Amino acid sequence: MAEAKRRGVPAFRIFSDQSLKAMAAKRPGTAAELLAIPGIGIGTVEKYGAQLYRLLHEGRA
């Protein structure tokens, strides 16, 4: 949501519900795993990959 607000676009323009659900279920930790998520392209990995990995694995041992 923060990224959508920063850009002034609806949240679904950042990630679709399908992409978000797949990321939550699969918890990708590499670029290849992230690219396997429907709707995720190389641009997304380059721009947001590090943030996504951190968010998806925060608090996990």
PDB file of N, CA and C in Angstrom:
ATOM      1  N   MET A   1       0.823  -1.193   0.000  1.00  0.00           N
ATOM      2  CA  MET A   1       0.000   0.000   0.000  1.00  0.00           C
ATOM      3  C   MET A   1       0.865   1.254   0.000  1.00  0.00           C
ATOM      4  N   ALA A   2       1.945   1.222   0.750  1.00  0.00           N
ATOM      5  CA  ALA A   2       2.808   2.406   0.838  1.00  0.00           C
ATOM      6  C   ALA A   2       3.361   2.768  -0.536  1.00  0.00           C
ATOM      7  N   GLU A   3       3.775   1.774  -1.293  1.00  0.00           N
ATOM      8  CA  GLU A   3       4.317   2.035  -2.634  1.00  0.00           C
ATOM      9  C   GLU A   3       3.232   2.587  -3.552  1.00  0.00           C
ATOM     10  N   ALA A   4       2.039   2.047  -3.458  1.00  0.00           N
ATOM     11  CA  ALA A   4       0.929   2.544  -4.281  1.00  0.00           C
ATOM     12  C   ALA A   4       0.617   4.003  -3.939  1.00  0.00           C
ATOM     13  N   LYS A   5       0.592   4.318  -2.663  1.00  0.00           N
ATOM     14  CA  LYS A   5       0.342   5.702  -2.250  1.00  0.00           C
ATOM     15  C   LYS A   5       1.454   6.622  -2.731  1.00  0.00           C
ATOM     16  N   ARG A   6       2.695   6.168  -2.607  1.00  0.00           N
ATOM     17  CA  ARG A   6       3.833   6.964  -3.045  1.00  0.00           C
ATOM     18  C   ARG A   6       3.738   7.273  -4.535  1.00  0.00           C
ATOM     19  N   ARG A   7       3.302   6.297  -5.311  1.00  0.00           N
ATOM     20  CA  ARG A   7       3.188   6.471  -6.753  1.00  0.00           C
ATOM     21  C   ARG A   7       1.873   7.120  -7.184  1.00  0.00           C
ATOM     22  N   GLY A   8       0.902   7.151  -6.286  1.00  0.00           N
ATOM     23  CA  GLY A   8      -0.403   7.708  -6.627  1.00  0.00           C
ATOM     24  C   GLY A   8      -1.214   6.817  -7.550  1.00  0.00           C
ATOM     25  N   VAL A   9      -1.086   5.503  -7.333  1.00  0.00           N
ATOM     26  CA  VAL A   9      -1.825   4.540  -8.152  1.00  0.00           C
ATOM     27  C   VAL A   9      -2.556   3.563  -7.239  1.00  0.00           C
ATOM     28  N   PRO A  10      -3.572   2.879  -7.765  1.00  0.00           N
ATOM     29  CA  PRO A  10      -4.246   1.850  -6.964  1.00  0.00           C
ATOM     30  C   PRO A  10      -3.282   0.704  -6.629  1.00  0.00           C
ATOM     31  N   ALA A  11      -3.503   0.069  -5.506  1.00  0.00           N
ATOM     32  CA  ALA A  11      -2.610  -1.001  -5.048  1.00  0.00           C
ATOM     33  C   ALA A  11      -2.488  -2.137  -6.064  1.00  0.00           C
ATOM     34  N   PHE A  12      -3.570  -2.468  -6.760  1.00  0.00           N
ATOM     35  CA  PHE A  12      -3.496  -3.568  -7.722  1.00  0.00           C
ATOM     36  C   PHE A  12      -2.564  -3.280  -8.888  1.00  0.00           C
ATOM     37  N   ARG A  13      -2.194  -2.031  -9.075  1.00  0.00           N
ATOM     38  CA  ARG A  13      -1.238  -1.687 -10.136  1.00  0.00           C
ATOM     39  C   ARG A  13       0.183  -2.072  -9.737  1.00  0.00           C
ATOM     40  N   ILE A  14       0.447  -2.240  -8.451  1.00  0.00           N
ATOM     41  CA  ILE A  14       1.760  -2.665  -7.971  1.00  0.00           C
ATOM     42  C   ILE A  14       1.850  -4.187  -8.059  1.00  0.00           C
ATOM     43  N   PHE A  15       0.940  -4.885  -7.401  1.00  0.00           N
ATOM     44  CA  PHE A  15       0.859  -6.342  -7.465  1.00  0.00           C
ATOM     45  C   PHE A  15      -0.600  -6.755  -7.482  1.00  0.00           C
ATOM     46  N   SER A  16      -0.908  -7.769  -8.268  1.00  0.00           N
ATOM     47  CA  SER A  16      -2.265  -8.309  -8.287  1.00  0.00           C
ATOM     48  C   SER A  16      -2.482  -9.155  -7.033  1.00  0.00           C
ATOM     49  N   ASP A  17      -3.738  -9.405  -6.728  1.00  0.00           N
ATOM     50  CA  ASP A  17      -4.045 -10.281  -5.601  1.00  0.00           C
ATOM     51  C   ASP A  17      -3.434 -11.659  -5.811  1.00  0.00           C
ATOM     52  N   GLN A  18      -3.467 -12.141  -7.052  1.00  0.00           N
ATOM     53  CA  GLN A  18      -2.890 -13.456  -7.366  1.00  0.00           C
ATOM     54  C   GLN A  18      -1.395 -13.472  -7.054  1.00  0.00           C
ATOM     55  N   SER A  19      -0.689 -12.428  -7.440  1.00  0.00           N
ATOM     56  CA  SER A  19       0.752 -12.359  -7.172  1.00  0.00           C
ATOM     57  C   SER A  19       1.024 -12.303  -5.680  1.00  0.00           C
ATOM     58  N   LEU A  20       0.260 -11.490  -4.964  1.00  0.00           N
ATOM     59  CA  LEU A  20       0.447 -11.375  -3.518  1.00  0.00           C
ATOM     60  C   LEU A  20       0.196 -12.701  -2.809  1.00  0.00           C
ATOM     61  N   LYS A  21      -0.864 -13.393  -3.208  1.00  0.00           N
ATOM     62  CA  LYS A  21      -1.169 -14.691  -2.593  1.00  0.00           C
ATOM     63  C   LYS A  21      -0.062 -15.708  -2.877  1.00  0.00           C
ATOM     64  N   ALA A  22       0.444 -15.706  -4.107  1.00  0.00           N
ATOM     65  CA  ALA A  22       1.514 -16.642  -4.463  1.00  0.00           C
ATOM     66  C   ALA A  22       2.790 -16.331  -3.690  1.00  0.00           C
ATOM     67  N   MET A  23       3.113 -15.046  -3.537  1.00  0.00           N
ATOM     68  CA  MET A  23       4.309 -14.678  -2.765  1.00  0.00           C
ATOM     69  C   MET A  23       4.164 -15.097  -1.313  1.00  0.00           C
ATOM     70  N   ALA A  24       2.982 -14.888  -0.745  1.00  0.00           N
ATOM     71  CA  ALA A  24       2.756 -15.260   0.652  1.00  0.00           C
ATOM     72  C   ALA A  24       2.844 -16.773   0.840  1.00  0.00           C
ATOM     73  N   ALA A  25       2.347 -17.526  -0.119  1.00  0.00           N
ATOM     74  CA  ALA A  25       2.355 -18.983  -0.009  1.00  0.00           C
ATOM     75  C   ALA A  25       3.744 -19.572  -0.246  1.00  0.00           C
ATOM     76  N   LYS A  26       4.448 -19.046  -1.243  1.00  0.00           N
ATOM     77  CA  LYS A  26       5.734 -19.631  -1.638  1.00  0.00           C
ATOM     78  C   LYS A  26       6.942 -19.011  -0.953  1.00  0.00           C
ATOM     79  N   ARG A  27       6.797 -17.793  -0.435  1.00  0.00           N
ATOM     80  CA  ARG A  27       7.887 -17.088   0.247  1.00  0.00           C
ATOM     81  C   ARG A  27       9.199 -17.160  -0.542  1.00  0.00           C
ATOM     82  N   PRO A  28       9.231 -16.633  -1.777  1.00  0.00           N
ATOM     83  CA  PRO A  28      10.458 -16.711  -2.572  1.00  0.00           C
ATOM     84  C   PRO A  28      11.629 -16.024  -1.888  1.00  0.00           C
ATOM     85  N   GLY A  29      12.799 -16.604  -2.049  1.00  0.00           N
ATOM     86  CA  GLY A  29      14.002 -16.057  -1.431  1.00  0.00           C
ATOM     87  C   GLY A  29      15.109 -15.762  -2.429  1.00  0.00           C
ATOM     88  N   THR A  30      14.843 -16.063  -3.700  1.00  0.00           N
ATOM     89  CA  THR A  30      15.828 -15.791  -4.756  1.00  0.00           C
ATOM     90  C   THR A  30      15.117 -15.128  -5.926  1.00  0.00           C
ATOM     91  N   ALA A  31      15.896 -14.550  -6.821  1.00  0.00           N
ATOM     92  CA  ALA A  31      15.329 -13.924  -8.019  1.00  0.00           C
ATOM     93  C   ALA A  31      14.584 -14.960  -8.860  1.00  0.00           C
ATOM     94  N   ALA A  32      15.156 -16.139  -9.003  1.00  0.00           N
ATOM     95  CA  ALA A  32      14.510 -17.188  -9.808  1.00  0.00           C
ATOM     96  C   ALA A  32      13.167 -17.584  -9.208  1.00  0.00           C
ATOM     97  N   GLU A  33      13.108 -17.724  -7.895  1.00  0.00           N
ATOM     98  CA  GLU A  33      11.845 -18.070  -7.235  1.00  0.00           C
ATOM     99  C   GLU A  33      10.824 -16.946  -7.385  1.00  0.00           C
ATOM    100  N   LEU A  34      11.282 -15.724  -7.286  1.00  0.00           N
ATOM    101  CA  LEU A  34      10.382 -14.578  -7.433  1.00  0.00           C
ATOM    102  C   LEU A  34       9.868 -14.487  -8.871  1.00  0.00           C
ATOM    103  N   LEU A  35      10.728 -14.732  -9.837  1.00  0.00           N
ATOM    104  CA  LEU A  35      10.315 -14.695 -11.239  1.00  0.00           C
ATOM    105  C   LEU A  35       9.323 -15.798 -11.589  1.00  0.00           C
ATOM    106  N   ALA A  36       9.269 -16.853 -10.798  1.00  0.00           N
ATOM    107  CA  ALA A  36       8.326 -17.940 -11.030  1.00  0.00           C
ATOM    108  C   ALA A  36       6.905 -17.579 -10.598  1.00  0.00           C
ATOM    109  N   ILE A  37       6.759 -16.462  -9.900  1.00  0.00           N
ATOM    110  CA  ILE A  37       5.445 -16.000  -9.448  1.00  0.00           C
ATOM    111  C   ILE A  37       4.737 -15.326 -10.628  1.00  0.00           C
ATOM    112  N   PRO A  38       3.495 -15.721 -10.929  1.00  0.00           N
ATOM    113  CA  PRO A  38       2.761 -15.075 -12.019  1.00  0.00           C
ATOM    114  C   PRO A  38       2.656 -13.565 -11.798  1.00  0.00           C
ATOM    115  N   GLY A  39       2.947 -12.808 -12.828  1.00  0.00           N
ATOM    116  CA  GLY A  39       2.831 -11.361 -12.750  1.00  0.00           C
ATOM    117  C   GLY A  39       4.088 -10.644 -12.297  1.00  0.00           C
ATOM    118  N   ILE A  40       5.140 -11.396 -11.978  1.00  0.00           N
ATOM    119  CA  ILE A  40       6.402 -10.800 -11.531  1.00  0.00           C
ATOM    120  C   ILE A  40       7.409 -10.888 -12.670  1.00  0.00           C
ATOM    121  N   GLY A  41       7.974  -9.752 -13.032  1.00  0.00           N
ATOM    122  CA  GLY A  41       8.969  -9.710 -14.097  1.00  0.00           C
ATOM    123  C   GLY A  41      10.312  -9.236 -13.576  1.00  0.00           C
ATOM    124  N   ILE A  42      11.260  -9.192 -14.465  1.00  0.00           N
ATOM    125  CA  ILE A  42      12.624  -8.822 -14.076  1.00  0.00           C
ATOM    126  C   ILE A  42      12.678  -7.404 -13.520  1.00  0.00           C
ATOM    127  N   GLY A  43      11.881  -6.500 -14.052  1.00  0.00           N
ATOM    128  CA  GLY A  43      11.859  -5.127 -13.542  1.00  0.00           C
ATOM    129  C   GLY A  43      11.438  -5.078 -12.085  1.00  0.00           C
ATOM    130  N   THR A  44      10.454  -5.879 -11.738  1.00  0.00           N
ATOM    131  CA  THR A  44       9.987  -5.953 -10.355  1.00  0.00           C
ATOM    132  C   THR A  44      11.079  -6.499  -9.454  1.00  0.00           C
ATOM    133  N   VAL A  45      11.753  -7.543  -9.917  1.00  0.00           N
ATOM    134  CA  VAL A  45      12.835  -8.141  -9.136  1.00  0.00           C
ATOM    135  C   VAL A  45      13.942  -7.114  -8.918  1.00  0.00           C
ATOM    136  N   GLU A  46      14.299  -6.402  -9.966  1.00  0.00           N
ATOM    137  CA  GLU A  46      15.368  -5.408  -9.846  1.00  0.00           C
ATOM    138  C   GLU A  46      14.987  -4.259  -8.924  1.00  0.00           C
ATOM    139  N   LYS A  47      13.740  -3.792  -9.027  1.00  0.00           N
ATOM    140  CA  LYS A  47      13.300  -2.653  -8.206  1.00  0.00           C
ATOM    141  C   LYS A  47      12.971  -3.031  -6.775  1.00  0.00           C
ATOM    142  N   TYR A  48      12.274  -4.149  -6.609  1.00  0.00           N
ATOM    143  CA  TYR A  48      11.688  -4.466  -5.309  1.00  0.00           C
ATOM    144  C   TYR A  48      12.166  -5.768  -4.685  1.00  0.00           C
ATOM    145  N   GLY A  49      13.014  -6.514  -5.378  1.00  0.00           N
ATOM    146  CA  GLY A  49      13.418  -7.829  -4.889  1.00  0.00           C
ATOM    147  C   GLY A  49      13.928  -7.821  -3.460  1.00  0.00           C
ATOM    148  N   ALA A  50      14.874  -6.968  -3.154  1.00  0.00           N
ATOM    149  CA  ALA A  50      15.454  -6.939  -1.801  1.00  0.00           C
ATOM    150  C   ALA A  50      14.391  -6.625  -0.751  1.00  0.00           C
ATOM    151  N   GLN A  51      13.512  -5.678  -1.057  1.00  0.00           N
ATOM    152  CA  GLN A  51      12.440  -5.330  -0.112  1.00  0.00           C
ATOM    153  C   GLN A  51      11.489  -6.504   0.075  1.00  0.00           C
ATOM    154  N   LEU A  52      11.149  -7.169  -1.029  1.00  0.00           N
ATOM    155  CA  LEU A  52      10.229  -8.303  -0.940  1.00  0.00           C
ATOM    156  C   LEU A  52      10.826  -9.442  -0.123  1.00  0.00           C
ATOM    157  N   TYR A  53      12.097  -9.766  -0.378  1.00  0.00           N
ATOM    158  CA  TYR A  53      12.731 -10.849   0.387  1.00  0.00           C
ATOM    159  C   TYR A  53      12.698 -10.514   1.881  1.00  0.00           C
ATOM    160  N   ARG A  54      13.024  -9.274   2.216  1.00  0.00           N
ATOM    161  CA  ARG A  54      13.038  -8.862   3.628  1.00  0.00           C
ATOM    162  C   ARG A  54      11.641  -8.974   4.234  1.00  0.00           C
ATOM    163  N   LEU A  55      10.633  -8.464   3.540  1.00  0.00           N
ATOM    164  CA  LEU A  55       9.270  -8.518   4.065  1.00  0.00           C
ATOM    165  C   LEU A  55       8.754  -9.950   4.204  1.00  0.00           C
ATOM    166  N   LEU A  56       9.079 -10.780   3.223  1.00  0.00           N
ATOM    167  CA  LEU A  56       8.579 -12.152   3.250  1.00  0.00           C
ATOM    168  C   LEU A  56       9.265 -13.029   4.280  1.00  0.00           C
ATOM    169  N   HIS A  57      10.450 -12.612   4.714  1.00  0.00           N
ATOM    170  CA  HIS A  57      11.192 -13.451   5.654  1.00  0.00           C
ATOM    171  C   HIS A  57      11.439 -12.784   7.002  1.00  0.00           C
ATOM    172  N   GLU A  58      10.853 -11.613   7.222  1.00  0.00           N
ATOM    173  CA  GLU A  58      10.995 -10.911   8.506  1.00  0.00           C
ATOM    174  C   GLU A  58      10.469 -11.785   9.628  1.00  0.00           C
ATOM    175  N   GLY A  59      11.228 -11.861  10.684  1.00  0.00           N
ATOM    176  CA  GLY A  59      10.774 -12.592  11.856  1.00  0.00           C
ATOM    177  C   GLY A  59      10.865 -14.102  11.742  1.00  0.00           C
ATOM    178  N   ARG A  60      11.377 -14.580  10.629  1.00  0.00           N
ATOM    179  CA  ARG A  60      11.528 -16.038  10.471  1.00  0.00           C
ATOM    180  C   ARG A  60      12.941 -16.430  10.871  1.00  0.00           C
ATOM    181  N   ALA A  61      13.054 -17.554  11.498  1.00  0.00           N
ATOM    182  CA  ALA A  61      14.383 -18.027  11.929  1.00  0.00           C
ATOM    183  C   ALA A  61      15.103 -18.737  10.829  1.00  0.00           C
TER     184      ALA A  61
END
